[in-house]
Full PDB file with SEQRES, HELIX, SHEET, SSBOND, CRYST1, ORIGX, SCALE, CONECT and MASTER records, all heavy atoms in Angstrom:
SEQRES   1 A   33  SER GLY VAL SER TYR PRO SER ALA TYR VAL ASN MET THR          
SEQRES   2 A   33  PRO PRO THR ASP ASN LEU TYR GLN ASN VAL ASN PHE GLY          
SEQRES   3 A   33  THR ILE SER ALA GLY GLU LEU                                  
HELIX    1 AA1 SER A    7  TYR A    9  5                                   3    
CRYST1    1.000    1.000    1.000  90.00  90.00  90.00 P 1           1          
ORIGX1      1.000000  0.000000  0.000000        0.00000                         
ORIGX2      0.000000  1.000000  0.000000        0.00000                         
ORIGX3      0.000000  0.000000  1.000000        0.00000                         
SCALE1      1.000000  0.000000  0.000000        0.00000                         
SCALE2      0.000000  1.000000  0.000000        0.00000                         
SCALE3      0.000000  0.000000  1.000000        0.00000                         
ATOM      1  N   SER A   1      52.148   1.119   6.591  1.00  0.00           N  
ATOM      2  CA  SER A   1      53.326   1.658   5.915  1.00  0.00           C  
ATOM      3  C   SER A   1      53.953   2.796   6.702  1.00  0.00           C  
ATOM      4  O   SER A   1      54.319   3.830   6.159  1.00  0.00           O  
ATOM      5  CB  SER A   1      52.969   2.134   4.508  1.00  0.00           C  
ATOM      6  OG  SER A   1      52.460   1.076   3.765  1.00  0.00           O  
ATOM      7  N   GLY A   2      54.040   2.613   8.010  1.00  0.00           N  
ATOM      8  CA  GLY A   2      54.723   3.591   8.827  1.00  0.00           C  
ATOM      9  C   GLY A   2      53.861   4.722   9.313  1.00  0.00           C  
ATOM     10  O   GLY A   2      54.331   5.609  10.022  1.00  0.00           O  
ATOM     11  N   VAL A   3      52.582   4.749   8.947  1.00  0.00           N  
ATOM     12  CA  VAL A   3      51.671   5.802   9.380  1.00  0.00           C  
ATOM     13  C   VAL A   3      50.681   5.210  10.351  1.00  0.00           C  
ATOM     14  O   VAL A   3      50.071   4.181  10.076  1.00  0.00           O  
ATOM     15  CB  VAL A   3      50.924   6.435   8.185  1.00  0.00           C  
ATOM     16  CG1 VAL A   3      50.017   7.550   8.660  1.00  0.00           C  
ATOM     17  CG2 VAL A   3      51.931   6.961   7.161  1.00  0.00           C  
ATOM     18  N   SER A   4      50.492   5.839  11.466  1.00  0.00           N  
ATOM     19  CA  SER A   4      49.651   5.288  12.520  1.00  0.00           C  
ATOM     20  C   SER A   4      48.232   5.802  12.411  1.00  0.00           C  
ATOM     21  O   SER A   4      48.005   6.998  12.224  1.00  0.00           O  
ATOM     22  CB  SER A   4      50.222   5.668  13.894  1.00  0.00           C  
ATOM     23  OG  SER A   4      49.430   5.133  14.919  1.00  0.00           O  
ATOM     24  N   TYR A   5      47.259   4.873  12.492  1.00  0.00           N  
ATOM     25  CA  TYR A   5      45.841   5.215  12.427  1.00  0.00           C  
ATOM     26  C   TYR A   5      45.125   4.525  13.572  1.00  0.00           C  
ATOM     27  O   TYR A   5      45.487   3.408  13.958  1.00  0.00           O  
ATOM     28  CB  TYR A   5      45.209   4.731  11.116  1.00  0.00           C  
ATOM     29  CG  TYR A   5      45.836   5.336   9.897  1.00  0.00           C  
ATOM     30  CD1 TYR A   5      46.898   4.705   9.265  1.00  0.00           C  
ATOM     31  CD2 TYR A   5      45.362   6.536   9.394  1.00  0.00           C  
ATOM     32  CE1 TYR A   5      47.481   5.265   8.150  1.00  0.00           C  
ATOM     33  CE2 TYR A   5      45.938   7.096   8.266  1.00  0.00           C  
ATOM     34  CZ  TYR A   5      47.001   6.465   7.652  1.00  0.00           C  
ATOM     35  OH  TYR A   5      47.582   7.010   6.557  1.00  0.00           O  
ATOM     36  N   PRO A   6      44.086   5.141  14.129  1.00  0.00           N  
ATOM     37  CA  PRO A   6      43.271   4.453  15.130  1.00  0.00           C  
ATOM     38  C   PRO A   6      42.675   3.203  14.515  1.00  0.00           C  
ATOM     39  O   PRO A   6      42.137   3.246  13.415  1.00  0.00           O  
ATOM     40  CB  PRO A   6      42.194   5.486  15.484  1.00  0.00           C  
ATOM     41  CG  PRO A   6      42.781   6.810  15.085  1.00  0.00           C  
ATOM     42  CD  PRO A   6      43.662   6.525  13.909  1.00  0.00           C  
ATOM     43  N   SER A   7      42.762   2.050  15.234  1.00  0.00           N  
ATOM     44  CA  SER A   7      42.356   0.773  14.662  1.00  0.00           C  
ATOM     45  C   SER A   7      40.884   0.730  14.314  1.00  0.00           C  
ATOM     46  O   SER A   7      40.479   0.017  13.413  1.00  0.00           O  
ATOM     47  CB  SER A   7      42.689  -0.355  15.640  1.00  0.00           C  
ATOM     48  OG  SER A   7      42.007  -0.152  16.871  1.00  0.00           O  
ATOM     49  N   ALA A   8      40.066   1.476  14.988  1.00  0.00           N  
ATOM     50  CA  ALA A   8      38.627   1.432  14.734  1.00  0.00           C  
ATOM     51  C   ALA A   8      38.277   1.981  13.361  1.00  0.00           C  
ATOM     52  O   ALA A   8      37.182   1.748  12.859  1.00  0.00           O  
ATOM     53  CB  ALA A   8      37.878   2.227  15.798  1.00  0.00           C  
ATOM     54  N   TYR A   9      39.202   2.704  12.740  1.00  0.00           N  
ATOM     55  CA  TYR A   9      38.879   3.365  11.484  1.00  0.00           C  
ATOM     56  C   TYR A   9      39.585   2.754  10.286  1.00  0.00           C  
ATOM     57  O   TYR A   9      39.540   3.292   9.199  1.00  0.00           O  
ATOM     58  CB  TYR A   9      39.248   4.854  11.564  1.00  0.00           C  
ATOM     59  CG  TYR A   9      38.375   5.594  12.533  1.00  0.00           C  
ATOM     60  CD1 TYR A   9      38.798   5.772  13.843  1.00  0.00           C  
ATOM     61  CD2 TYR A   9      37.136   6.076  12.149  1.00  0.00           C  
ATOM     62  CE1 TYR A   9      38.002   6.442  14.751  1.00  0.00           C  
ATOM     63  CE2 TYR A   9      36.331   6.748  13.057  1.00  0.00           C  
ATOM     64  CZ  TYR A   9      36.769   6.924  14.350  1.00  0.00           C  
ATOM     65  OH  TYR A   9      35.973   7.572  15.250  1.00  0.00           O  
ATOM     66  N   VAL A  10      40.263   1.638  10.506  1.00  0.00           N  
ATOM     67  CA  VAL A  10      40.976   1.018   9.402  1.00  0.00           C  
ATOM     68  C   VAL A  10      40.153  -0.122   8.830  1.00  0.00           C  
ATOM     69  O   VAL A  10      39.693  -0.992   9.569  1.00  0.00           O  
ATOM     70  CB  VAL A  10      42.354   0.516   9.836  1.00  0.00           C  
ATOM     71  CG1 VAL A  10      43.025  -0.230   8.683  1.00  0.00           C  
ATOM     72  CG2 VAL A  10      43.212   1.684  10.273  1.00  0.00           C  
ATOM     73  N   ASN A  11      39.949  -0.122   7.508  1.00  0.00           N  
ATOM     74  CA  ASN A  11      39.212  -1.180   6.830  1.00  0.00           C  
ATOM     75  C   ASN A  11      40.176  -2.307   6.510  1.00  0.00           C  
ATOM     76  O   ASN A  11      41.043  -2.178   5.654  1.00  0.00           O  
ATOM     77  CB  ASN A  11      38.579  -0.627   5.547  1.00  0.00           C  
ATOM     78  CG  ASN A  11      37.760  -1.667   4.819  1.00  0.00           C  
ATOM     79  OD1 ASN A  11      37.670  -2.809   5.254  1.00  0.00           O  
ATOM     80  ND2 ASN A  11      37.150  -1.258   3.717  1.00  0.00           N  
ATOM     81  N   MET A  12      40.048  -3.416   7.211  1.00  0.00           N  
ATOM     82  CA  MET A  12      40.971  -4.539   7.034  1.00  0.00           C  
ATOM     83  C   MET A  12      40.587  -5.434   5.863  1.00  0.00           C  
ATOM     84  O   MET A  12      41.337  -6.314   5.482  1.00  0.00           O  
ATOM     85  CB  MET A  12      41.011  -5.386   8.311  1.00  0.00           C  
ATOM     86  CG  MET A  12      41.634  -4.676   9.501  1.00  0.00           C  
ATOM     87  SD  MET A  12      43.408  -4.488   9.272  1.00  0.00           S  
ATOM     88  CE  MET A  12      43.933  -6.195   9.340  1.00  0.00           C  
ATOM     89  N   THR A  13      39.402  -5.252   5.309  1.00  0.00           N  
ATOM     90  CA  THR A  13      38.924  -6.129   4.236  1.00  0.00           C  
ATOM     91  C   THR A  13      39.449  -5.665   2.893  1.00  0.00           C  
ATOM     92  O   THR A  13      39.185  -4.539   2.483  1.00  0.00           O  
ATOM     93  CB  THR A  13      37.381  -6.140   4.199  1.00  0.00           C  
ATOM     94  OG1 THR A  13      36.899  -6.479   5.491  1.00  0.00           O  
ATOM     95  CG2 THR A  13      36.887  -7.134   3.165  1.00  0.00           C  
ATOM     96  N   PRO A  14      40.225  -6.503   2.214  1.00  0.00           N  
ATOM     97  CA  PRO A  14      40.720  -6.097   0.898  1.00  0.00           C  
ATOM     98  C   PRO A  14      39.574  -6.008  -0.090  1.00  0.00           C  
ATOM     99  O   PRO A  14      38.555  -6.680   0.066  1.00  0.00           O  
ATOM    100  CB  PRO A  14      41.690  -7.214   0.517  1.00  0.00           C  
ATOM    101  CG  PRO A  14      41.219  -8.396   1.298  1.00  0.00           C  
ATOM    102  CD  PRO A  14      40.658  -7.860   2.571  1.00  0.00           C  
ATOM    103  N   PRO A  15      39.681  -5.167  -1.074  1.00  0.00           N  
ATOM    104  CA  PRO A  15      38.587  -5.024  -2.051  1.00  0.00           C  
ATOM    105  C   PRO A  15      38.342  -6.329  -2.785  1.00  0.00           C  
ATOM    106  O   PRO A  15      39.268  -7.049  -3.128  1.00  0.00           O  
ATOM    107  CB  PRO A  15      39.101  -3.933  -3.001  1.00  0.00           C  
ATOM    108  CG  PRO A  15      40.585  -3.970  -2.850  1.00  0.00           C  
ATOM    109  CD  PRO A  15      40.850  -4.361  -1.424  1.00  0.00           C  
ATOM    110  N   THR A  16      37.049  -6.628  -3.008  1.00  0.00           N  
ATOM    111  CA  THR A  16      36.693  -7.878  -3.694  1.00  0.00           C  
ATOM    112  C   THR A  16      36.786  -7.741  -5.202  1.00  0.00           C  
ATOM    113  O   THR A  16      36.872  -8.717  -5.920  1.00  0.00           O  
ATOM    114  CB  THR A  16      35.264  -8.301  -3.314  1.00  0.00           C  
ATOM    115  OG1 THR A  16      34.366  -7.246  -3.661  1.00  0.00           O  
ATOM    116  CG2 THR A  16      35.172  -8.573  -1.825  1.00  0.00           C  
ATOM    117  N   ASP A  17      36.735  -6.507  -5.693  1.00  0.00           N  
ATOM    118  CA  ASP A  17      36.749  -6.317  -7.138  1.00  0.00           C  
ATOM    119  C   ASP A  17      37.575  -5.079  -7.453  1.00  0.00           C  
ATOM    120  O   ASP A  17      37.043  -4.016  -7.736  1.00  0.00           O  
ATOM    121  CB  ASP A  17      35.323  -6.170  -7.674  1.00  0.00           C  
ATOM    122  CG  ASP A  17      35.293  -6.127  -9.198  1.00  0.00           C  
ATOM    123  OD1 ASP A  17      36.256  -6.581  -9.824  1.00  0.00           O  
ATOM    124  OD2 ASP A  17      34.298  -5.626  -9.731  1.00  0.00           O  
ATOM    125  N   ASN A  18      38.870  -5.217  -7.365  1.00  0.00           N  
ATOM    126  CA  ASN A  18      39.746  -4.083  -7.606  1.00  0.00           C  
ATOM    127  C   ASN A  18      39.719  -3.702  -9.079  1.00  0.00           C  
ATOM    128  O   ASN A  18      40.013  -4.505  -9.954  1.00  0.00           O  
ATOM    129  CB  ASN A  18      41.173  -4.446  -7.188  1.00  0.00           C  
ATOM    130  CG  ASN A  18      42.076  -3.228  -7.142  1.00  0.00           C  
ATOM    131  OD1 ASN A  18      41.655  -2.125  -7.484  1.00  0.00           O  
ATOM    132  ND2 ASN A  18      43.303  -3.437  -6.724  1.00  0.00           N  
ATOM    133  N   LEU A  19      39.373  -2.446  -9.345  1.00  0.00           N  
ATOM    134  CA  LEU A  19      39.272  -1.990 -10.722  1.00  0.00           C  
ATOM    135  C   LEU A  19      40.638  -1.794 -11.347  1.00  0.00           C  
ATOM    136  O   LEU A  19      40.794  -1.858 -12.562  1.00  0.00           O  
ATOM    137  CB  LEU A  19      38.501  -0.667 -10.779  1.00  0.00           C  
ATOM    138  CG  LEU A  19      37.053  -0.698 -10.311  1.00  0.00           C  
ATOM    139  CD1 LEU A  19      36.493   0.712 -10.306  1.00  0.00           C  
ATOM    140  CD2 LEU A  19      36.216  -1.590 -11.197  1.00  0.00           C  
ATOM    141  N   TYR A  20      41.627  -1.542 -10.517  1.00  0.00           N  
ATOM    142  CA  TYR A  20      42.950  -1.193 -11.020  1.00  0.00           C  
ATOM    143  C   TYR A  20      43.941  -2.280 -10.631  1.00  0.00           C  
ATOM    144  O   TYR A  20      44.258  -2.460  -9.458  1.00  0.00           O  
ATOM    145  CB  TYR A  20      43.398   0.157 -10.450  1.00  0.00           C  
ATOM    146  CG  TYR A  20      42.430   1.262 -10.774  1.00  0.00           C  
ATOM    147  CD1 TYR A  20      41.385   1.565  -9.906  1.00  0.00           C  
ATOM    148  CD2 TYR A  20      42.545   1.992 -11.946  1.00  0.00           C  
ATOM    149  CE1 TYR A  20      40.492   2.581 -10.207  1.00  0.00           C  
ATOM    150  CE2 TYR A  20      41.660   2.994 -12.253  1.00  0.00           C  
ATOM    151  CZ  TYR A  20      40.633   3.296 -11.383  1.00  0.00           C  
ATOM    152  OH  TYR A  20      39.748   4.288 -11.687  1.00  0.00           O  
ATOM    153  N   GLN A  21      44.397  -3.001 -11.594  1.00  0.00           N  
ATOM    154  CA  GLN A  21      45.326  -4.095 -11.347  1.00  0.00           C  
ATOM    155  C   GLN A  21      46.451  -4.047 -12.366  1.00  0.00           C  
ATOM    156  O   GLN A  21      46.350  -3.400 -13.406  1.00  0.00           O  
ATOM    157  CB  GLN A  21      44.613  -5.452 -11.432  1.00  0.00           C  
ATOM    158  CG  GLN A  21      43.514  -5.613 -10.386  1.00  0.00           C  
ATOM    159  CD  GLN A  21      42.719  -6.896 -10.581  1.00  0.00           C  
ATOM    160  OE1 GLN A  21      42.878  -7.552 -11.601  1.00  0.00           O  
ATOM    161  NE2 GLN A  21      41.904  -7.238  -9.619  1.00  0.00           N  
ATOM    162  N   ASN A  22      47.526  -4.757 -12.035  1.00  0.00           N  
ATOM    163  CA  ASN A  22      48.657  -4.900 -12.954  1.00  0.00           C  
ATOM    164  C   ASN A  22      49.204  -3.546 -13.394  1.00  0.00           C  
ATOM    165  O   ASN A  22      49.210  -3.194 -14.569  1.00  0.00           O  
ATOM    166  CB  ASN A  22      48.253  -5.713 -14.187  1.00  0.00           C  
ATOM    167  CG  ASN A  22      47.723  -7.083 -13.809  1.00  0.00           C  
ATOM    168  OD1 ASN A  22      48.230  -7.716 -12.876  1.00  0.00           O  
ATOM    169  ND2 ASN A  22      46.700  -7.538 -14.507  1.00  0.00           N  
ATOM    170  N   VAL A  23      49.636  -2.777 -12.400  1.00  0.00           N  
ATOM    171  CA  VAL A  23      50.181  -1.461 -12.705  1.00  0.00           C  
ATOM    172  C   VAL A  23      51.417  -1.613 -13.586  1.00  0.00           C  
ATOM    173  O   VAL A  23      52.325  -2.368 -13.283  1.00  0.00           O  
ATOM    174  CB  VAL A  23      50.546  -0.708 -11.415  1.00  0.00           C  
ATOM    175  CG1 VAL A  23      51.130   0.657 -11.754  1.00  0.00           C  
ATOM    176  CG2 VAL A  23      49.324  -0.554 -10.544  1.00  0.00           C  
ATOM    177  N   ASN A  24      51.432  -0.888 -14.694  1.00  0.00           N  
ATOM    178  CA  ASN A  24      52.577  -0.911 -15.600  1.00  0.00           C  
ATOM    179  C   ASN A  24      52.836   0.514 -16.040  1.00  0.00           C  
ATOM    180  O   ASN A  24      52.071   1.090 -16.797  1.00  0.00           O  
ATOM    181  CB  ASN A  24      52.281  -1.804 -16.807  1.00  0.00           C  
ATOM    182  CG  ASN A  24      53.384  -1.730 -17.850  1.00  0.00           C  
ATOM    183  OD1 ASN A  24      54.481  -1.257 -17.566  1.00  0.00           O  
ATOM    184  ND2 ASN A  24      53.087  -2.187 -19.048  1.00  0.00           N  
ATOM    185  N   PHE A  25      53.912   1.083 -15.526  1.00  0.00           N  
ATOM    186  CA  PHE A  25      54.179   2.486 -15.791  1.00  0.00           C  
ATOM    187  C   PHE A  25      55.027   2.692 -17.041  1.00  0.00           C  
ATOM    188  O   PHE A  25      55.594   3.744 -17.235  1.00  0.00           O  
ATOM    189  CB  PHE A  25      54.866   3.125 -14.576  1.00  0.00           C  
ATOM    190  CG  PHE A  25      53.938   3.287 -13.416  1.00  0.00           C  
ATOM    191  CD1 PHE A  25      54.081   2.506 -12.286  1.00  0.00           C  
ATOM    192  CD2 PHE A  25      52.916   4.220 -13.456  1.00  0.00           C  
ATOM    193  CE1 PHE A  25      53.234   2.659 -11.211  1.00  0.00           C  
ATOM    194  CE2 PHE A  25      52.060   4.376 -12.382  1.00  0.00           C  
ATOM    195  CZ  PHE A  25      52.212   3.594 -11.251  1.00  0.00           C  
ATOM    196  N   GLY A  26      55.123   1.667 -17.879  1.00  0.00           N  
ATOM    197  CA  GLY A  26      55.851   1.825 -19.125  1.00  0.00           C  
ATOM    198  C   GLY A  26      55.042   2.611 -20.142  1.00  0.00           C  
ATOM    199  O   GLY A  26      53.879   2.956 -19.932  1.00  0.00           O  
ATOM    200  N   THR A  27      55.668   2.898 -21.257  1.00  0.00           N  
ATOM    201  CA  THR A  27      55.002   3.629 -22.323  1.00  0.00           C  
ATOM    202  C   THR A  27      53.870   2.797 -22.924  1.00  0.00           C  
ATOM    203  O   THR A  27      54.012   1.602 -23.128  1.00  0.00           O  
ATOM    204  CB  THR A  27      56.013   3.987 -23.432  1.00  0.00           C  
ATOM    205  OG1 THR A  27      57.055   4.774 -22.863  1.00  0.00           O  
ATOM    206  CG2 THR A  27      55.342   4.757 -24.552  1.00  0.00           C  
ATOM    207  N   ILE A  28      52.753   3.448 -23.180  1.00  0.00           N  
ATOM    208  CA  ILE A  28      51.641   2.784 -23.857  1.00  0.00           C  
ATOM    209  C   ILE A  28      51.896   2.865 -25.354  1.00  0.00           C  
ATOM    210  O   ILE A  28      51.971   3.950 -25.931  1.00  0.00           O  
ATOM    211  CB  ILE A  28      50.297   3.446 -23.505  1.00  0.00           C  
ATOM    212  CG1 ILE A  28      50.049   3.354 -21.996  1.00  0.00           C  
ATOM    213  CG2 ILE A  28      49.161   2.791 -24.268  1.00  0.00           C  
ATOM    214  CD1 ILE A  28      48.756   4.019 -21.557  1.00  0.00           C  
ATOM    215  N   SER A  29      52.035   1.728 -25.986  1.00  0.00           N  
ATOM    216  CA  SER A  29      52.403   1.675 -27.397  1.00  0.00           C  
ATOM    217  C   SER A  29      51.177   1.581 -28.287  1.00  0.00           C  
ATOM    218  O   SER A  29      50.049   1.398 -27.824  1.00  0.00           O  
ATOM    219  CB  SER A  29      53.316   0.474 -27.647  1.00  0.00           C  
ATOM    220  OG  SER A  29      52.597  -0.734 -27.435  1.00  0.00           O  
ATOM    221  N   ALA A  30      51.427   1.662 -29.595  1.00  0.00           N  
ATOM    222  CA  ALA A  30      50.336   1.532 -30.565  1.00  0.00           C  
ATOM    223  C   ALA A  30      49.697   0.158 -30.473  1.00  0.00           C  
ATOM    224  O   ALA A  30      48.489   0.009 -30.674  1.00  0.00           O  
ATOM    225  CB  ALA A  30      50.866   1.785 -31.978  1.00  0.00           C  
ATOM    226  N   GLY A  31      50.515  -0.862 -30.188  1.00  0.00           N  
ATOM    227  CA  GLY A  31      49.963  -2.206 -30.055  1.00  0.00           C  
ATOM    228  C   GLY A  31      48.965  -2.305 -28.933  1.00  0.00           C  
ATOM    229  O   GLY A  31      47.952  -2.989 -29.033  1.00  0.00           O  
ATOM    230  N   GLU A  32      49.239  -1.604 -27.818  1.00  0.00           N  
ATOM    231  CA  GLU A  32      48.313  -1.613 -26.694  1.00  0.00           C  
ATOM    232  C   GLU A  32      47.064  -0.792 -26.997  1.00  0.00           C  
ATOM    233  O   GLU A  32      45.977  -1.104 -26.528  1.00  0.00           O  
ATOM    234  CB  GLU A  32      49.012  -1.079 -25.445  1.00  0.00           C  
ATOM    235  CG  GLU A  32      50.120  -1.974 -24.928  1.00  0.00           C  
ATOM    236  CD  GLU A  32      50.864  -1.341 -23.770  1.00  0.00           C  
ATOM    237  OE1 GLU A  32      51.677  -0.435 -24.015  1.00  0.00           O  
ATOM    238  OE2 GLU A  32      50.630  -1.758 -22.621  1.00  0.00           O  
ATOM    239  N   LEU A  33      47.230   0.276 -27.770  1.00  0.00           N  
ATOM    240  CA  LEU A  33      46.068   1.083 -28.141  1.00  0.00           C  
ATOM    241  C   LEU A  33      45.145   0.331 -29.086  1.00  0.00           C  
ATOM    242  O   LEU A  33      43.928   0.519 -29.044  1.00  0.00           O  
ATOM    243  CB  LEU A  33      46.530   2.379 -28.799  1.00  0.00           C  
ATOM    244  CG  LEU A  33      47.179   3.424 -27.902  1.00  0.00           C  
ATOM    245  CD1 LEU A  33      47.663   4.596 -28.739  1.00  0.00           C  
ATOM    246  CD2 LEU A  33      46.218   3.899 -26.833  1.00  0.00           C  
TER     247      LEU A  33                                                      
MASTER        0    0    0    1    0    0    0    6  246    1    0    3          
END                                                                             
């Protein structure tokens, strides 16, 4: 994303079990609670 890092230090493997998915920055309603 436009920032340069030494290649030896970059983890190219995507996480196998991402804890945080489906980001939704809308209001959390009573129905969701």
